[in-house]
N, C-alpha and C. Protein backbone atom coordinates (compact mmCIF):
# COMPACT_ATOMS: atom_id res chain seq x y z
N MET A 1 0.85 -1.18 0.00
CA MET A 1 0.00 0.00 0.00
C MET A 1 0.90 1.25 0.00
N LEU A 2 0.54 2.21 -0.76
CA LEU A 2 1.31 3.44 -0.89
C LEU A 2 1.32 4.20 0.44
N GLN A 3 2.53 4.52 0.90
CA GLN A 3 2.71 5.24 2.16
C GLN A 3 3.12 6.68 1.86
N ILE A 4 2.25 7.61 2.15
CA ILE A 4 2.57 9.03 2.00
C ILE A 4 2.39 9.67 3.37
N ARG A 5 3.47 10.26 3.87
CA ARG A 5 3.45 10.81 5.22
C ARG A 5 4.13 12.17 5.25
N PRO A 6 3.80 12.99 6.22
CA PRO A 6 4.53 14.25 6.37
C PRO A 6 5.94 13.96 6.88
N VAL A 7 6.89 14.79 6.50
CA VAL A 7 8.28 14.57 6.90
C VAL A 7 8.43 14.56 8.42
N SER A 8 7.54 15.20 9.13
CA SER A 8 7.60 15.21 10.60
C SER A 8 7.42 13.81 11.19
N ASP A 9 6.83 12.87 10.43
CA ASP A 9 6.69 11.50 10.91
C ASP A 9 8.04 10.82 11.10
N LEU A 10 9.07 11.28 10.41
CA LEU A 10 10.40 10.71 10.65
C LEU A 10 10.81 10.92 12.10
N ARG A 11 10.46 12.05 12.65
CA ARG A 11 10.81 12.37 14.04
C ARG A 11 9.75 11.82 15.00
N ASN A 12 8.49 12.03 14.68
CA ASN A 12 7.42 11.73 15.63
C ASN A 12 6.93 10.28 15.59
N LYS A 13 7.06 9.64 14.45
CA LYS A 13 6.54 8.27 14.30
C LYS A 13 7.55 7.38 13.58
N PHE A 14 8.81 7.54 13.96
CA PHE A 14 9.87 6.81 13.28
C PHE A 14 9.64 5.30 13.25
N PRO A 15 9.22 4.66 14.34
CA PRO A 15 9.00 3.20 14.28
C PRO A 15 8.01 2.77 13.20
N GLU A 16 6.97 3.58 12.98
CA GLU A 16 5.99 3.25 11.94
C GLU A 16 6.61 3.38 10.54
N VAL A 17 7.37 4.44 10.34
CA VAL A 17 8.04 4.63 9.05
C VAL A 17 9.04 3.51 8.83
N GLU A 18 9.82 3.21 9.85
CA GLU A 18 10.82 2.15 9.74
C GLU A 18 10.18 0.81 9.43
N SER A 19 9.06 0.52 10.06
CA SER A 19 8.36 -0.74 9.82
C SER A 19 7.91 -0.86 8.37
N ALA A 20 7.35 0.20 7.83
CA ALA A 20 6.92 0.19 6.43
C ALA A 20 8.11 -0.03 5.50
N VAL A 21 9.20 0.67 5.78
CA VAL A 21 10.40 0.56 4.94
C VAL A 21 10.98 -0.84 5.02
N ASN A 22 11.00 -1.42 6.22
CA ASN A 22 11.55 -2.77 6.40
C ASN A 22 10.71 -3.84 5.73
N GLU A 23 9.45 -3.53 5.45
CA GLU A 23 8.58 -4.46 4.72
C GLU A 23 8.80 -4.35 3.21
N GLY A 24 9.72 -3.49 2.80
CA GLY A 24 10.05 -3.35 1.39
C GLY A 24 9.30 -2.25 0.68
N GLU A 25 8.48 -1.53 1.41
CA GLU A 25 7.70 -0.46 0.79
C GLU A 25 8.42 0.87 0.91
N PRO A 26 8.44 1.67 -0.14
CA PRO A 26 8.99 3.02 0.01
C PRO A 26 7.99 3.88 0.77
N VAL A 27 8.50 4.85 1.49
CA VAL A 27 7.65 5.82 2.19
C VAL A 27 7.92 7.17 1.56
N PHE A 28 6.88 7.76 1.01
CA PHE A 28 6.96 9.08 0.38
C PHE A 28 6.70 10.13 1.44
N LEU A 29 7.63 11.07 1.59
CA LEU A 29 7.49 12.10 2.60
C LEU A 29 7.16 13.44 1.94
N THR A 30 6.25 14.16 2.59
CA THR A 30 5.84 15.47 2.09
C THR A 30 6.27 16.56 3.06
N LYS A 31 6.48 17.74 2.52
CA LYS A 31 6.77 18.91 3.33
C LYS A 31 5.90 20.03 2.79
N ASN A 32 5.10 20.62 3.65
CA ASN A 32 4.16 21.66 3.25
C ASN A 32 3.25 21.19 2.10
N GLY A 33 2.85 19.92 2.18
CA GLY A 33 1.92 19.38 1.20
C GLY A 33 2.52 18.98 -0.13
N ARG A 34 3.83 19.10 -0.28
CA ARG A 34 4.49 18.74 -1.54
C ARG A 34 5.49 17.62 -1.31
N GLY A 35 5.69 16.81 -2.33
CA GLY A 35 6.65 15.73 -2.23
C GLY A 35 8.04 16.25 -1.90
N ALA A 36 8.69 15.62 -0.93
CA ALA A 36 10.01 16.08 -0.51
C ALA A 36 11.07 15.01 -0.72
N MET A 37 10.76 13.75 -0.37
CA MET A 37 11.75 12.69 -0.49
C MET A 37 11.08 11.33 -0.35
N VAL A 38 11.87 10.31 -0.63
CA VAL A 38 11.41 8.93 -0.50
C VAL A 38 12.40 8.20 0.39
N VAL A 39 11.88 7.42 1.34
CA VAL A 39 12.72 6.62 2.22
C VAL A 39 12.60 5.16 1.79
N LEU A 40 13.76 4.52 1.56
CA LEU A 40 13.82 3.12 1.15
C LEU A 40 14.74 2.35 2.06
N SER A 41 14.54 1.04 2.13
CA SER A 41 15.51 0.20 2.83
C SER A 41 16.78 0.13 2.00
N MET A 42 17.87 -0.21 2.63
CA MET A 42 19.15 -0.33 1.92
C MET A 42 19.06 -1.40 0.84
N GLU A 43 18.36 -2.49 1.14
CA GLU A 43 18.22 -3.58 0.17
C GLU A 43 17.45 -3.12 -1.06
N ARG A 44 16.36 -2.43 -0.83
CA ARG A 44 15.54 -1.94 -1.95
C ARG A 44 16.32 -0.93 -2.78
N TYR A 45 17.07 -0.07 -2.12
CA TYR A 45 17.89 0.90 -2.84
C TYR A 45 18.91 0.19 -3.72
N ALA A 46 19.56 -0.84 -3.18
CA ALA A 46 20.54 -1.61 -3.95
C ALA A 46 19.88 -2.25 -5.17
N GLU A 47 18.65 -2.76 -5.00
CA GLU A 47 17.93 -3.35 -6.14
C GLU A 47 17.68 -2.29 -7.21
N LEU A 48 17.25 -1.13 -6.80
CA LEU A 48 16.91 -0.08 -7.76
C LEU A 48 18.13 0.48 -8.47
N THR A 49 19.23 0.53 -7.78
CA THR A 49 20.44 1.08 -8.39
C THR A 49 21.29 0.00 -9.04
N ASN A 50 20.89 -1.25 -8.89
CA ASN A 50 21.59 -2.38 -9.50
C ASN A 50 23.06 -2.47 -9.11
N ARG A 51 23.38 -2.04 -7.90
CA ARG A 51 24.78 -2.10 -7.48
C ARG A 51 25.32 -3.51 -7.55
N ASP A 52 24.53 -4.48 -7.09
CA ASP A 52 25.00 -5.86 -7.13
C ASP A 52 25.19 -6.32 -8.56
N ARG A 53 24.29 -5.95 -9.43
CA ARG A 53 24.36 -6.33 -10.85
C ARG A 53 25.60 -5.72 -11.50
N ILE A 54 25.91 -4.50 -11.17
CA ILE A 54 27.09 -3.84 -11.73
C ILE A 54 28.35 -4.58 -11.31
N GLU A 55 28.42 -4.99 -10.05
CA GLU A 55 29.59 -5.74 -9.58
C GLU A 55 29.74 -7.05 -10.34
N VAL A 56 28.64 -7.74 -10.58
CA VAL A 56 28.67 -9.00 -11.33
C VAL A 56 29.17 -8.75 -12.75
N LEU A 57 28.66 -7.70 -13.38
CA LEU A 57 29.09 -7.38 -14.74
C LEU A 57 30.56 -7.00 -14.81
N LEU A 58 31.04 -6.25 -13.82
CA LEU A 58 32.46 -5.88 -13.80
C LEU A 58 33.34 -7.11 -13.60
N ASP A 59 32.92 -8.03 -12.74
CA ASP A 59 33.68 -9.27 -12.54
C ASP A 59 33.71 -10.08 -13.83
N GLU A 60 32.58 -10.14 -14.52
CA GLU A 60 32.51 -10.86 -15.79
C GLU A 60 33.44 -10.22 -16.82
N ALA A 61 33.46 -8.90 -16.88
CA ALA A 61 34.33 -8.20 -17.82
C ALA A 61 35.80 -8.46 -17.50
N ASP A 62 36.15 -8.52 -16.22
CA ASP A 62 37.52 -8.84 -15.83
C ASP A 62 37.92 -10.23 -16.31
N ARG A 63 37.01 -11.19 -16.14
CA ARG A 63 37.31 -12.57 -16.58
C ARG A 63 37.47 -12.63 -18.09
N GLU A 64 36.61 -11.93 -18.82
CA GLU A 64 36.71 -11.91 -20.27
C GLU A 64 38.02 -11.26 -20.72
N ALA A 65 38.43 -10.21 -20.05
CA ALA A 65 39.68 -9.53 -20.41
C ALA A 65 40.87 -10.43 -20.18
N GLU A 66 40.84 -11.21 -19.11
CA GLU A 66 41.94 -12.13 -18.83
C GLU A 66 42.02 -13.25 -19.86
N ALA A 67 40.87 -13.63 -20.42
CA ALA A 67 40.82 -14.76 -21.35
C ALA A 67 41.07 -14.34 -22.80
N SER A 68 41.21 -13.05 -23.07
CA SER A 68 41.34 -12.58 -24.44
C SER A 68 42.49 -11.58 -24.57
N ASP A 69 43.07 -11.54 -25.76
CA ASP A 69 44.11 -10.55 -26.05
C ASP A 69 43.53 -9.29 -26.69
N VAL A 70 42.23 -9.29 -26.96
CA VAL A 70 41.59 -8.15 -27.62
C VAL A 70 41.52 -6.98 -26.64
N ARG A 71 41.95 -5.82 -27.10
CA ARG A 71 41.89 -4.61 -26.29
C ARG A 71 41.27 -3.50 -27.13
N TYR A 72 40.52 -2.63 -26.47
CA TYR A 72 39.84 -1.54 -27.17
C TYR A 72 40.44 -0.22 -26.74
N THR A 73 40.45 0.73 -27.67
CA THR A 73 40.89 2.07 -27.32
C THR A 73 39.76 2.76 -26.55
N LEU A 74 40.10 3.85 -25.91
CA LEU A 74 39.11 4.61 -25.18
C LEU A 74 37.98 5.09 -26.10
N ASP A 75 38.35 5.54 -27.30
CA ASP A 75 37.33 6.00 -28.27
C ASP A 75 36.40 4.86 -28.66
N GLU A 76 36.95 3.67 -28.86
CA GLU A 76 36.11 2.52 -29.23
C GLU A 76 35.13 2.18 -28.11
N VAL A 77 35.61 2.23 -26.89
CA VAL A 77 34.73 1.93 -25.75
C VAL A 77 33.60 2.94 -25.67
N PHE A 78 33.94 4.22 -25.74
CA PHE A 78 32.90 5.24 -25.64
C PHE A 78 31.94 5.20 -26.83
N ASP A 79 32.41 4.88 -28.01
CA ASP A 79 31.52 4.73 -29.16
C ASP A 79 30.51 3.61 -28.92
N ARG A 80 30.99 2.51 -28.35
CA ARG A 80 30.09 1.38 -28.07
C ARG A 80 29.09 1.75 -26.98
N VAL A 81 29.52 2.46 -25.97
CA VAL A 81 28.61 2.87 -24.89
C VAL A 81 27.57 3.83 -25.43
N ARG A 82 28.01 4.82 -26.22
CA ARG A 82 27.06 5.77 -26.81
C ARG A 82 26.05 5.05 -27.69
N GLY A 83 26.52 4.10 -28.47
CA GLY A 83 25.62 3.33 -29.32
C GLY A 83 24.59 2.58 -28.51
N GLY A 84 25.01 2.00 -27.38
CA GLY A 84 24.08 1.28 -26.52
C GLY A 84 23.05 2.18 -25.88
N ILE A 85 23.46 3.39 -25.55
CA ILE A 85 22.53 4.34 -24.92
C ILE A 85 21.49 4.80 -25.93
N ARG A 86 21.89 4.99 -27.16
CA ARG A 86 20.97 5.49 -28.21
C ARG A 86 19.94 4.44 -28.61
N GLU A 87 20.25 3.19 -28.40
CA GLU A 87 19.32 2.11 -28.81
C GLU A 87 18.19 2.02 -27.91
């Protein structure tokens, strides 16, 4: 269920906010009736930012680099990244 609370609940009702966040739900905080911020658990934040996935991909790239003599110039790498972003 969508949790929208005033930012003062962080101070006044922290256990309730914490409980919602620990259940995996984001808590949307308002200040003066407008959206101010979102509170997430560390696990949910990691999922959204794909930090774990990035580490896996970097490890995979390291293994591939060790297994191959192929090397790319900086321009080649950035051209490939730009191409991927445009797709």
